[in-house]
Protein backbone atom coordinates (compact mmCIF):
# COMPACT_ATOMS: atom_id res chain seq x y z
CA MET A 1 -0.14 -0.03 -0.14
CA ASN A 2 1.31 3.49 -0.84
CA GLU A 3 2.14 5.80 2.07
CA PRO A 4 1.17 9.42 1.24
CA LEU A 5 3.93 11.77 0.19
CA PRO A 6 5.82 13.68 3.05
CA THR A 7 4.95 17.52 2.94
CA PRO A 8 8.34 19.02 2.60
CA PRO A 9 9.25 21.87 5.29
CA LEU A 10 7.55 25.31 4.28
CA ASN A 11 8.61 28.72 5.79
CA PRO A 12 5.69 30.30 7.60
CA ILE A 13 4.33 32.32 4.92
CA ASP A 14 4.08 29.66 2.55
CA ALA A 15 2.78 27.28 5.24
CA ALA A 16 0.03 29.95 6.04
CA GLY A 17 -1.03 29.95 2.38
CA LEU A 18 -1.17 26.13 2.17
CA SER A 19 -3.47 26.07 5.42
CA LEU A 20 -5.75 28.83 3.69
CA ILE A 21 -6.02 26.66 0.59
CA GLN A 22 -6.63 23.61 2.65
CA SER A 23 -9.54 25.22 4.79
CA LEU A 24 -11.30 26.14 1.25
CA SER A 25 -10.57 23.39 -0.74
CA GLY A 26 -13.24 20.84 -2.00
CA ARG A 27 -16.04 22.55 -0.33
CA SER A 28 -17.64 23.95 -3.43
CA GLU A 29 -17.66 22.53 -6.67
CA VAL A 30 -19.01 25.81 -8.13
CA PHE A 31 -16.48 27.83 -6.27
CA ASP A 32 -13.58 25.36 -7.66
CA TRP A 33 -15.05 25.75 -11.38
CA ALA A 34 -15.16 29.60 -10.88
CA LEU A 35 -11.49 29.93 -9.96
CA ARG A 36 -10.57 27.40 -12.50
CA PHE A 37 -11.92 29.48 -15.38
CA LEU A 38 -10.60 32.41 -13.98
CA LEU A 39 -7.44 30.47 -14.02
CA THR A 40 -7.41 29.31 -17.67
CA VAL A 41 -8.79 32.37 -19.31
CA ASP A 42 -6.69 34.91 -20.31
CA LEU A 43 -9.27 37.66 -20.70
CA ALA A 44 -10.99 36.98 -17.27
CA LYS A 45 -7.61 36.41 -15.73
CA LEU A 46 -5.55 39.79 -16.82
CA GLY A 47 -8.57 41.53 -18.73
CA VAL A 48 -9.40 44.14 -15.90
CA PRO A 49 -5.92 45.14 -14.72
CA VAL A 50 -5.09 45.54 -18.64
CA LEU A 51 -8.13 47.72 -19.39
CA CYS A 52 -7.20 49.76 -16.33
CA ALA A 53 -3.81 50.44 -17.43
CA ALA A 54 -4.84 51.08 -21.17
CA TYR A 55 -7.42 53.46 -19.97
CA ALA A 56 -4.59 55.25 -18.09
CA TRP A 57 -2.62 55.54 -21.19
CA LEU A 58 -5.01 56.81 -23.45
CA ALA A 59 -6.76 59.24 -20.99
CA ARG A 60 -5.63 62.56 -19.72
CA ALA A 61 -6.63 63.45 -16.02
CA PRO A 62 -8.23 66.76 -15.29
CA GLY A 63 -5.63 69.77 -15.58
CA GLU A 64 -2.83 67.48 -16.63
CA ALA A 65 0.02 69.36 -18.68
CA PRO A 66 1.04 67.30 -21.78
CA ALA A 67 4.28 67.30 -20.80
CA ALA A 68 3.39 65.74 -17.34
CA ARG A 69 1.10 63.24 -19.37
CA SER A 70 3.68 62.10 -21.70
CA ARG A 71 6.10 61.60 -18.55
CA ARG A 72 3.43 59.58 -16.78
CA VAL A 73 2.29 57.43 -19.93
CA LEU A 74 5.91 56.65 -21.11
CA GLY A 75 7.46 55.99 -17.67
CA SER A 76 4.44 53.69 -16.64
CA LEU A 77 4.52 51.84 -20.01
CA ALA A 78 8.19 51.28 -20.25
CA GLY A 79 7.77 50.30 -15.99
CA VAL A 80 5.47 47.36 -17.04
CA ILE A 81 7.33 46.30 -19.89
CA LEU A 82 10.76 46.46 -18.20
CA THR A 83 9.36 44.94 -15.10
CA ILE A 84 8.09 42.06 -16.62
CA ALA A 85 10.85 41.49 -18.46
CA PHE A 86 12.94 41.56 -15.14
CA GLY A 87 10.49 39.34 -13.63
CA ARG A 88 11.33 36.49 -16.32
CA PHE A 89 15.00 37.19 -15.92
CA ILE A 90 15.01 36.27 -12.13
CA GLN A 91 13.17 33.06 -13.08
CA ASP A 92 15.69 32.22 -15.85
CA SER A 93 18.60 32.97 -13.85
CA MET A 94 18.04 31.70 -10.47
CA PRO A 95 17.73 27.73 -9.51
CA PRO A 96 14.09 26.78 -10.62
CA ARG A 97 11.47 26.23 -7.92
CA ASP A 98 9.21 23.48 -8.49
CA ARG A 99 5.74 24.41 -8.35
CA PRO A 100 3.63 23.25 -5.40
CA ARG A 101 1.10 20.88 -7.18
CA LEU A 102 4.12 19.00 -8.59
CA THR A 103 6.02 18.86 -5.43
CA LEU A 104 3.37 18.35 -2.57
CA PRO A 105 0.91 15.77 -1.98
CA PRO A 106 -1.71 16.03 -4.68
CA ASP A 107 -4.66 15.70 -2.31
CA LEU A 108 -3.70 19.30 -1.09
CA PHE A 109 -4.93 21.06 -4.20
CA PRO A 110 -8.10 20.54 -6.29
CA GLN A 111 -7.05 18.38 -9.50
CA SER A 112 -8.30 18.99 -12.88
CA ALA A 113 -6.98 17.15 -16.01
CA ALA A 114 -7.88 20.53 -17.70
CA LEU A 115 -5.18 22.42 -15.99
CA PRO A 116 -1.66 22.69 -17.43
CA THR A 117 1.05 21.76 -15.38
CA LEU A 118 3.47 24.75 -16.09
CA GLY A 119 6.66 22.21 -14.97
CA GLU A 120 8.85 23.78 -17.51
CA TRP A 121 8.38 27.06 -15.85
CA SER A 122 10.00 28.02 -12.50
CA SER A 123 7.58 28.87 -10.05
CA PHE A 124 9.46 31.81 -8.38
CA PRO A 125 8.75 34.78 -8.83
CA SER A 126 5.12 34.52 -10.30
CA ASP A 127 5.31 36.20 -13.64
CA HIS A 128 1.55 37.01 -13.40
CA ALA A 129 1.79 38.73 -10.15
CA VAL A 130 4.70 40.53 -11.48
CA LEU A 131 2.56 41.77 -14.43
CA ALA A 132 -0.66 42.40 -12.45
CA ALA A 133 0.88 44.29 -9.98
CA ALA A 134 2.77 46.36 -12.47
CA LEU A 135 -0.30 47.43 -14.41
CA ALA A 136 -2.33 48.05 -11.22
CA THR A 137 0.50 50.58 -10.27
CA ALA A 138 0.42 52.28 -13.73
CA ALA A 139 -3.22 52.61 -13.43
CA TRP A 140 -3.07 54.44 -9.90
CA ALA A 141 -0.29 56.81 -11.28
CA PHE A 142 -3.61 57.87 -13.34
CA SER A 143 -6.26 57.44 -10.61
CA ARG A 144 -6.29 56.16 -7.31
CA ARG A 145 -9.59 54.37 -7.58
CA LEU A 146 -8.88 52.97 -11.20
CA GLY A 147 -5.41 51.64 -9.42
CA LEU A 148 -7.53 50.22 -6.45
CA VAL A 149 -9.89 48.16 -8.81
CA ALA A 150 -6.73 46.72 -10.72
CA ALA A 151 -5.01 45.98 -7.45
CA LEU A 152 -8.09 44.19 -6.03
CA TRP A 153 -8.56 42.40 -9.26
CA ALA A 154 -4.65 41.25 -9.59
CA ALA A 155 -5.07 39.85 -5.88
CA LEU A 156 -8.39 38.11 -5.79
CA VAL A 157 -8.61 37.24 -9.50
CA VAL A 158 -5.03 37.00 -10.86
CA CYS A 159 -3.04 35.64 -7.65
CA PHE A 160 -5.40 33.71 -5.72
CA PRO A 161 -6.38 30.90 -8.19
CA ARG A 162 -2.75 30.54 -8.87
CA LEU A 163 -2.41 29.98 -4.94
CA TYR A 164 -5.73 27.49 -4.80
CA PHE A 165 -4.70 25.11 -7.54
CA GLY A 166 -1.19 25.08 -6.23
CA PHE A 167 0.53 26.84 -9.38
CA HIS A 168 2.38 29.17 -6.80
CA TYR A 169 3.36 29.30 -3.35
CA LEU A 170 2.24 32.36 -1.42
CA THR A 171 5.73 33.75 -1.21
CA ASP A 172 5.91 33.53 -5.00
CA LEU A 173 2.76 35.55 -5.32
CA LEU A 174 4.17 38.11 -2.65
CA ALA A 175 7.38 38.42 -4.40
CA GLY A 176 6.13 39.17 -7.75
CA ALA A 177 3.85 41.67 -6.69
CA ALA A 178 6.54 43.55 -4.72
CA ILE A 179 8.76 43.40 -7.94
CA GLY A 180 5.69 44.79 -10.03
CA VAL A 181 5.15 47.42 -7.70
CA ALA A 182 8.54 48.99 -6.72
CA LEU A 183 10.40 48.32 -10.16
CA THR A 184 7.42 49.97 -12.13
CA ARG A 185 7.60 53.16 -9.62
CA LEU A 186 11.27 53.16 -9.66
CA ILE A 187 11.22 53.34 -13.89
CA MET A 188 8.54 56.07 -13.55
CA ALA A 189 10.60 58.13 -11.36
CA LEU A 190 13.29 58.14 -13.73
CA PRO A 191 13.99 61.38 -15.91
CA TRP A 192 13.12 61.32 -19.45
CA PRO A 193 14.84 62.99 -21.96
CA GLU A 194 12.86 65.73 -24.04
CA ALA A 195 13.01 64.32 -27.34
CA PRO A 196 10.58 61.21 -26.67
CA LEU A 197 8.35 63.29 -24.60
CA ARG A 198 7.90 65.68 -27.25
CA GLY A 199 7.59 63.14 -30.21
CA PHE A 200 4.85 61.26 -27.92
CA ALA A 201 3.09 64.56 -27.48
CA ARG A 202 3.23 65.27 -31.16
CA LEU A 203 1.57 61.56 -31.47
CA GLN A 204 -1.06 62.39 -29.17
CA ARG A 205 -1.88 65.68 -31.17
CA HIS A 206 -1.71 64.25 -34.79
CA ALA A 207 -2.07 60.54 -34.96
CA PRO A 208 -4.36 59.41 -31.91
CA ALA A 209 -5.61 56.66 -34.00
CA TRP A 210 -2.23 55.34 -34.30
CA LEU A 211 -1.58 55.72 -30.44
CA SER A 212 -4.71 53.90 -29.49
CA LEU A 213 -3.93 50.99 -32.04
CA ALA A 214 -0.51 50.64 -30.58
CA VAL A 215 -2.02 50.28 -26.94
CA VAL A 216 -4.46 47.65 -27.90
CA LEU A 217 -1.53 45.49 -29.29
CA ILE A 218 0.52 46.05 -26.53
CA ALA A 219 -2.67 45.40 -24.26
CA TYR A 220 -3.10 42.28 -26.19
CA GLU A 221 0.20 41.05 -25.60
CA PHE A 222 0.03 41.61 -22.03
CA ILE A 223 -3.18 39.71 -21.65
CA THR A 224 -1.55 36.56 -23.21
CA LEU A 225 1.52 37.18 -21.57
CA PHE A 226 3.39 37.81 -24.77
CA ALA A 227 2.32 34.87 -26.33
CA THR A 228 2.79 35.98 -29.56
CA THR A 229 6.04 37.55 -29.14
CA ARG A 230 7.52 34.66 -27.67
CA ARG A 231 6.24 32.54 -30.79
CA VAL A 232 7.71 35.04 -33.06
CA LEU A 233 10.85 35.15 -31.61
CA GLY A 234 10.91 31.17 -31.20
CA ALA A 235 10.43 31.23 -35.10
CA VAL A 236 13.40 33.74 -35.67
CA LYS A 237 15.51 31.64 -33.28
CA ASP A 238 14.81 28.49 -35.31
CA VAL A 239 15.59 30.09 -38.48
CA VAL A 240 18.71 31.68 -37.34
CA HIS A 241 19.84 28.11 -35.73
CA ALA A 242 18.89 26.58 -39.25
CA LEU A 243 21.09 29.07 -41.07
CA GLY A 244 23.95 28.72 -38.89
């Protein structure tokens, strides 16, 4: 008879997260279905934080000067992009951390054949938490109310299902959120040269439709966690490798 797998020792934060999951897991099939839906449908998962950030990039706050708007939009947009890149760099450069649903006893988490394993990706830090927190920070720079909506969605809809189904430890999510907020704020605080600020201001005045289209395309990549970009880069890498 097979004995249950021993649970590896966890730090107090991760142990608290696991205790929370154990207190909720299996109590409601409807609850499990709803969280599974939010976990697996990209638009439901990241749509609201992306929409809040996109609105912040396209709208102008009352009384906001064109130069101030350019700094805010360029700084927050660059902050989100560079922050998610930095989060992925940490994932790739640090020793990999296995996902809890792959290493802890399976009865600790709701199981479903429809869920991916994601075993090829390191659990630390959560790139979803990095991106969602960065988007909430970008929205907060425009409106605290909009930022609060994005932040609550990030915590309850983006991050909690990933904890609930064992895709991340609580420390993965907290570290990702901290990186998302801190690095985005830092990049937004950096000074920008005048040339890109003037160029962005001209784009707002003379080509608002192209600016909106660019934001929509970027928002799509955020929702899919750069799936198209990764496919294109993978194809280019394959071509370069074949030619070499």
